[in-house]
Amino acid sequence: MTRPPTSSRTDKGVRGFDLDLHVTFAQALPREQALAVLAAAEGFTVELYAPHDQPAAPVPSARLTGPLRDPETLRAVLVAWLHAEARSVEVGLRGYLRSASGQTDWMPWRRTAVLPRAGTERVLFEEGVRYVLE
């Protein structure tokens, strides 16, 4: 009996860690102003949390994701946000599984560290640890 040929190729996904950053603004900002504030953190994908059916609605918070390139520059951005526009920031390197088709599944945080607003120097960007600055 002859078996049909089996494929030795499997489409595997990718595992890794990316920056996952949530900014809650001190007060909801107009869309353009929110994007201008977030532009200080260059190179990240920005997702504004605002009602989809109301494009002119103020933006209360946003999410930024992507690879962490320069931790010191990002810490400086966090300090600036926390002194002005942000009420709180959640930031960390979050684990993900990205399928071969490009769909990303984010893993649960391993640990959460709550820090004071002035504690940005204690954000170590450890894999799987979420730092909450409030």
C-alpha atoms as a PDB file:
ATOM      1  CA  MET A   1       0.000   0.000   0.000  1.00  0.00           C
ATOM      2  CA  THR A   2       1.366   3.387  -0.968  1.00  0.00           C
ATOM      3  CA  ARG A   3       0.906   6.347   1.307  1.00  0.00           C
ATOM      4  CA  PRO A   4       0.220   9.786  -0.058  1.00  0.00           C
ATOM      5  CA  PRO A   5       3.242  12.087   0.206  1.00  0.00           C
ATOM      6  CA  THR A   6       3.320  14.114   3.360  1.00  0.00           C
ATOM      7  CA  SER A   7       4.556  17.627   3.473  1.00  0.00           C
ATOM      8  CA  SER A   8       7.609  18.207   5.609  1.00  0.00           C
ATOM      9  CA  ARG A   9       6.849  21.932   5.691  1.00  0.00           C
ATOM     10  CA  THR A  10       4.886  23.416   8.564  1.00  0.00           C
ATOM     11  CA  ASP A  11       3.886  27.039   8.780  1.00  0.00           C
ATOM     12  CA  LYS A  12       4.975  28.002  12.257  1.00  0.00           C
ATOM     13  CA  GLY A  13       4.343  31.262  13.964  1.00  0.00           C
ATOM     14  CA  VAL A  14       6.739  33.517  15.775  1.00  0.00           C
ATOM     15  CA  ARG A  15       7.132  33.970  19.519  1.00  0.00           C
ATOM     16  CA  GLY A  16       8.629  36.990  21.158  1.00  0.00           C
ATOM     17  CA  PHE A  17       8.181  40.066  23.303  1.00  0.00           C
ATOM     18  CA  ASP A  18       7.089  43.524  22.181  1.00  0.00           C
ATOM     19  CA  LEU A  19       6.473  46.732  24.019  1.00  0.00           C
ATOM     20  CA  ASP A  20       2.851  47.057  25.126  1.00  0.00           C
ATOM     21  CA  LEU A  21       2.103  50.541  26.449  1.00  0.00           C
ATOM     22  CA  HIS A  22      -1.248  51.982  27.552  1.00  0.00           C
ATOM     23  CA  VAL A  23      -1.606  55.705  28.183  1.00  0.00           C
ATOM     24  CA  THR A  24      -4.632  57.113  30.003  1.00  0.00           C
ATOM     25  CA  PHE A  25      -4.826  60.853  29.446  1.00  0.00           C
ATOM     26  CA  ALA A  26      -5.511  63.204  32.355  1.00  0.00           C
ATOM     27  CA  GLN A  27      -8.453  64.436  30.312  1.00  0.00           C
ATOM     28  CA  ALA A  28      -9.795  63.177  26.992  1.00  0.00           C
ATOM     29  CA  LEU A  29      -8.003  64.869  24.113  1.00  0.00           C
ATOM     30  CA  PRO A  30      -9.119  65.702  20.585  1.00  0.00           C
ATOM     31  CA  ARG A  31      -7.846  63.082  18.130  1.00  0.00           C
ATOM     32  CA  GLU A  32      -5.202  65.337  16.550  1.00  0.00           C
ATOM     33  CA  GLN A  33      -3.861  66.452  19.932  1.00  0.00           C
ATOM     34  CA  ALA A  34      -3.709  62.854  21.198  1.00  0.00           C
ATOM     35  CA  LEU A  35      -1.727  61.809  18.113  1.00  0.00           C
ATOM     36  CA  ALA A  36       0.619  64.781  18.573  1.00  0.00           C
ATOM     37  CA  VAL A  37       1.281  63.790  22.214  1.00  0.00           C
ATOM     38  CA  LEU A  38       1.896  60.152  21.259  1.00  0.00           C
ATOM     39  CA  ALA A  39       4.244  61.130  18.408  1.00  0.00           C
ATOM     40  CA  ALA A  40       6.989  61.584  21.022  1.00  0.00           C
ATOM     41  CA  ALA A  41       7.203  57.769  21.126  1.00  0.00           C
ATOM     42  CA  GLU A  42       8.328  57.209  17.557  1.00  0.00           C
ATOM     43  CA  GLY A  43       8.202  53.884  15.779  1.00  0.00           C
ATOM     44  CA  PHE A  44       5.265  52.278  17.553  1.00  0.00           C
ATOM     45  CA  THR A  45       1.857  51.258  16.255  1.00  0.00           C
ATOM     46  CA  VAL A  46      -0.759  53.540  17.822  1.00  0.00           C
ATOM     47  CA  GLU A  47      -4.332  52.513  18.593  1.00  0.00           C
ATOM     48  CA  LEU A  48      -6.599  55.243  19.937  1.00  0.00           C
ATOM     49  CA  TYR A  49      -9.346  54.126  22.300  1.00  0.00           C
ATOM     50  CA  ALA A  50     -12.298  56.209  21.178  1.00  0.00           C
ATOM     51  CA  PRO A  51     -15.804  55.355  19.991  1.00  0.00           C
ATOM     52  CA  HIS A  52     -15.589  54.034  16.412  1.00  0.00           C
ATOM     53  CA  ASP A  53     -18.954  55.485  15.477  1.00  0.00           C
ATOM     54  CA  GLN A  54     -17.934  58.998  16.625  1.00  0.00           C
ATOM     55  CA  PRO A  55     -14.725  60.010  14.805  1.00  0.00           C
ATOM     56  CA  ALA A  56     -14.742  63.490  16.375  1.00  0.00           C
ATOM     57  CA  ALA A  57     -15.141  62.153  19.933  1.00  0.00           C
ATOM     58  CA  PRO A  58     -12.342  62.956  22.408  1.00  0.00           C
ATOM     59  CA  VAL A  59      -9.753  60.214  23.036  1.00  0.00           C
ATOM     60  CA  PRO A  60      -9.481  59.078  26.695  1.00  0.00           C
ATOM     61  CA  SER A  61      -6.600  56.637  26.201  1.00  0.00           C
ATOM     62  CA  ALA A  62      -4.366  54.885  23.690  1.00  0.00           C
ATOM     63  CA  ARG A  63      -2.220  51.799  23.183  1.00  0.00           C
ATOM     64  CA  LEU A  64       1.207  51.675  21.573  1.00  0.00           C
ATOM     65  CA  THR A  65       2.887  48.440  20.526  1.00  0.00           C
ATOM     66  CA  GLY A  66       6.067  47.413  18.764  1.00  0.00           C
ATOM     67  CA  PRO A  67       9.688  46.529  19.342  1.00  0.00           C
ATOM     68  CA  LEU A  68      11.525  48.383  22.103  1.00  0.00           C
ATOM     69  CA  ARG A  69      14.558  50.089  20.588  1.00  0.00           C
ATOM     70  CA  ASP A  70      15.854  52.575  23.161  1.00  0.00           C
ATOM     71  CA  PRO A  71      14.701  52.171  26.785  1.00  0.00           C
ATOM     72  CA  GLU A  72      16.290  55.452  27.954  1.00  0.00           C
ATOM     73  CA  THR A  73      14.500  57.510  25.298  1.00  0.00           C
ATOM     74  CA  LEU A  74      11.212  55.805  26.153  1.00  0.00           C
ATOM     75  CA  ARG A  75      11.725  56.515  29.876  1.00  0.00           C
ATOM     76  CA  ALA A  76      12.201  60.210  29.016  1.00  0.00           C
ATOM     77  CA  VAL A  77       8.943  60.156  27.034  1.00  0.00           C
ATOM     78  CA  LEU A  78       7.133  58.522  29.972  1.00  0.00           C
ATOM     79  CA  VAL A  79       8.441  61.223  32.339  1.00  0.00           C
ATOM     80  CA  ALA A  80       7.212  63.955  29.995  1.00  0.00           C
ATOM     81  CA  TRP A  81       3.768  62.356  29.626  1.00  0.00           C
ATOM     82  CA  LEU A  82       3.364  61.807  33.368  1.00  0.00           C
ATOM     83  CA  HIS A  83       4.241  65.455  34.067  1.00  0.00           C
ATOM     84  CA  ALA A  84       1.673  66.759  31.614  1.00  0.00           C
ATOM     85  CA  GLU A  85      -0.872  64.798  29.582  1.00  0.00           C
ATOM     86  CA  ALA A  86      -1.024  61.338  31.200  1.00  0.00           C
ATOM     87  CA  ARG A  87      -2.920  60.346  34.326  1.00  0.00           C
ATOM     88  CA  SER A  88      -1.392  56.850  34.256  1.00  0.00           C
ATOM     89  CA  VAL A  89       0.771  54.638  32.066  1.00  0.00           C
ATOM     90  CA  GLU A  90       1.023  50.848  31.908  1.00  0.00           C
ATOM     91  CA  VAL A  91       4.148  49.646  30.118  1.00  0.00           C
ATOM     92  CA  GLY A  92       6.104  46.446  29.668  1.00  0.00           C
ATOM     93  CA  LEU A  93       7.482  43.832  27.315  1.00  0.00           C
ATOM     94  CA  ARG A  94       4.571  41.501  26.686  1.00  0.00           C
ATOM     95  CA  GLY A  95       4.870  38.027  25.251  1.00  0.00           C
ATOM     96  CA  TYR A  96       3.099  37.238  22.011  1.00  0.00           C
ATOM     97  CA  LEU A  97       2.465  34.428  19.557  1.00  0.00           C
ATOM     98  CA  ARG A  98       2.132  35.589  15.966  1.00  0.00           C
ATOM     99  CA  SER A  99       0.695  33.027  13.577  1.00  0.00           C
ATOM    100  CA  ALA A 100       2.098  32.437  10.098  1.00  0.00           C
ATOM    101  CA  SER A 101      -0.902  34.386   8.773  1.00  0.00           C
ATOM    102  CA  GLY A 102       0.029  37.424  10.899  1.00  0.00           C
ATOM    103  CA  GLN A 103      -2.566  37.204  13.681  1.00  0.00           C
ATOM    104  CA  THR A 104      -1.114  38.170  17.076  1.00  0.00           C
ATOM    105  CA  ASP A 105      -2.187  36.613  20.356  1.00  0.00           C
ATOM    106  CA  TRP A 106      -0.900  38.442  23.426  1.00  0.00           C
ATOM    107  CA  MET A 107       0.120  36.383  26.439  1.00  0.00           C
ATOM    108  CA  PRO A 108      -0.964  37.221  29.999  1.00  0.00           C
ATOM    109  CA  TRP A 109       1.413  39.294  32.086  1.00  0.00           C
ATOM    110  CA  ARG A 110       3.622  37.218  34.419  1.00  0.00           C
ATOM    111  CA  ARG A 111       3.757  39.940  37.070  1.00  0.00           C
ATOM    112  CA  THR A 112       2.572  43.501  37.687  1.00  0.00           C
ATOM    113  CA  ALA A 113       4.641  46.129  39.497  1.00  0.00           C
ATOM    114  CA  VAL A 114       2.826  49.275  40.642  1.00  0.00           C
ATOM    115  CA  LEU A 115       5.108  52.307  40.870  1.00  0.00           C
ATOM    116  CA  PRO A 116       4.615  55.977  41.742  1.00  0.00           C
ATOM    117  CA  ARG A 117       4.443  58.438  38.849  1.00  0.00           C
ATOM    118  CA  ALA A 118       8.029  59.491  39.538  1.00  0.00           C
ATOM    119  CA  GLY A 119       9.273  55.883  39.422  1.00  0.00           C
ATOM    120  CA  THR A 120      10.165  55.667  35.740  1.00  0.00           C
ATOM    121  CA  GLU A 121      13.803  54.840  36.543  1.00  0.00           C
ATOM    122  CA  ARG A 122      12.537  51.603  38.163  1.00  0.00           C
ATOM    123  CA  VAL A 123      10.925  50.455  34.896  1.00  0.00           C
ATOM    124  CA  LEU A 124      13.378  47.733  33.851  1.00  0.00           C
ATOM    125  CA  PHE A 125      11.523  46.403  30.792  1.00  0.00           C
ATOM    126  CA  GLU A 126      11.714  42.819  32.028  1.00  0.00           C
ATOM    127  CA  GLU A 127       9.980  40.322  29.766  1.00  0.00           C
ATOM    128  CA  GLY A 128       6.455  39.592  30.975  1.00  0.00           C
ATOM    129  CA  VAL A 129       6.383  42.312  33.650  1.00  0.00           C
ATOM    130  CA  ARG A 130       3.846  45.126  33.440  1.00  0.00           C
ATOM    131  CA  TYR A 131       4.788  48.381  35.170  1.00  0.00           C
ATOM    132  CA  VAL A 132       1.900  50.591  36.225  1.00  0.00           C
ATOM    133  CA  LEU A 133       2.850  54.230  36.817  1.00  0.00           C
ATOM    134  CA  GLU A 134       0.086  56.199  38.509  1.00  0.00           C
END
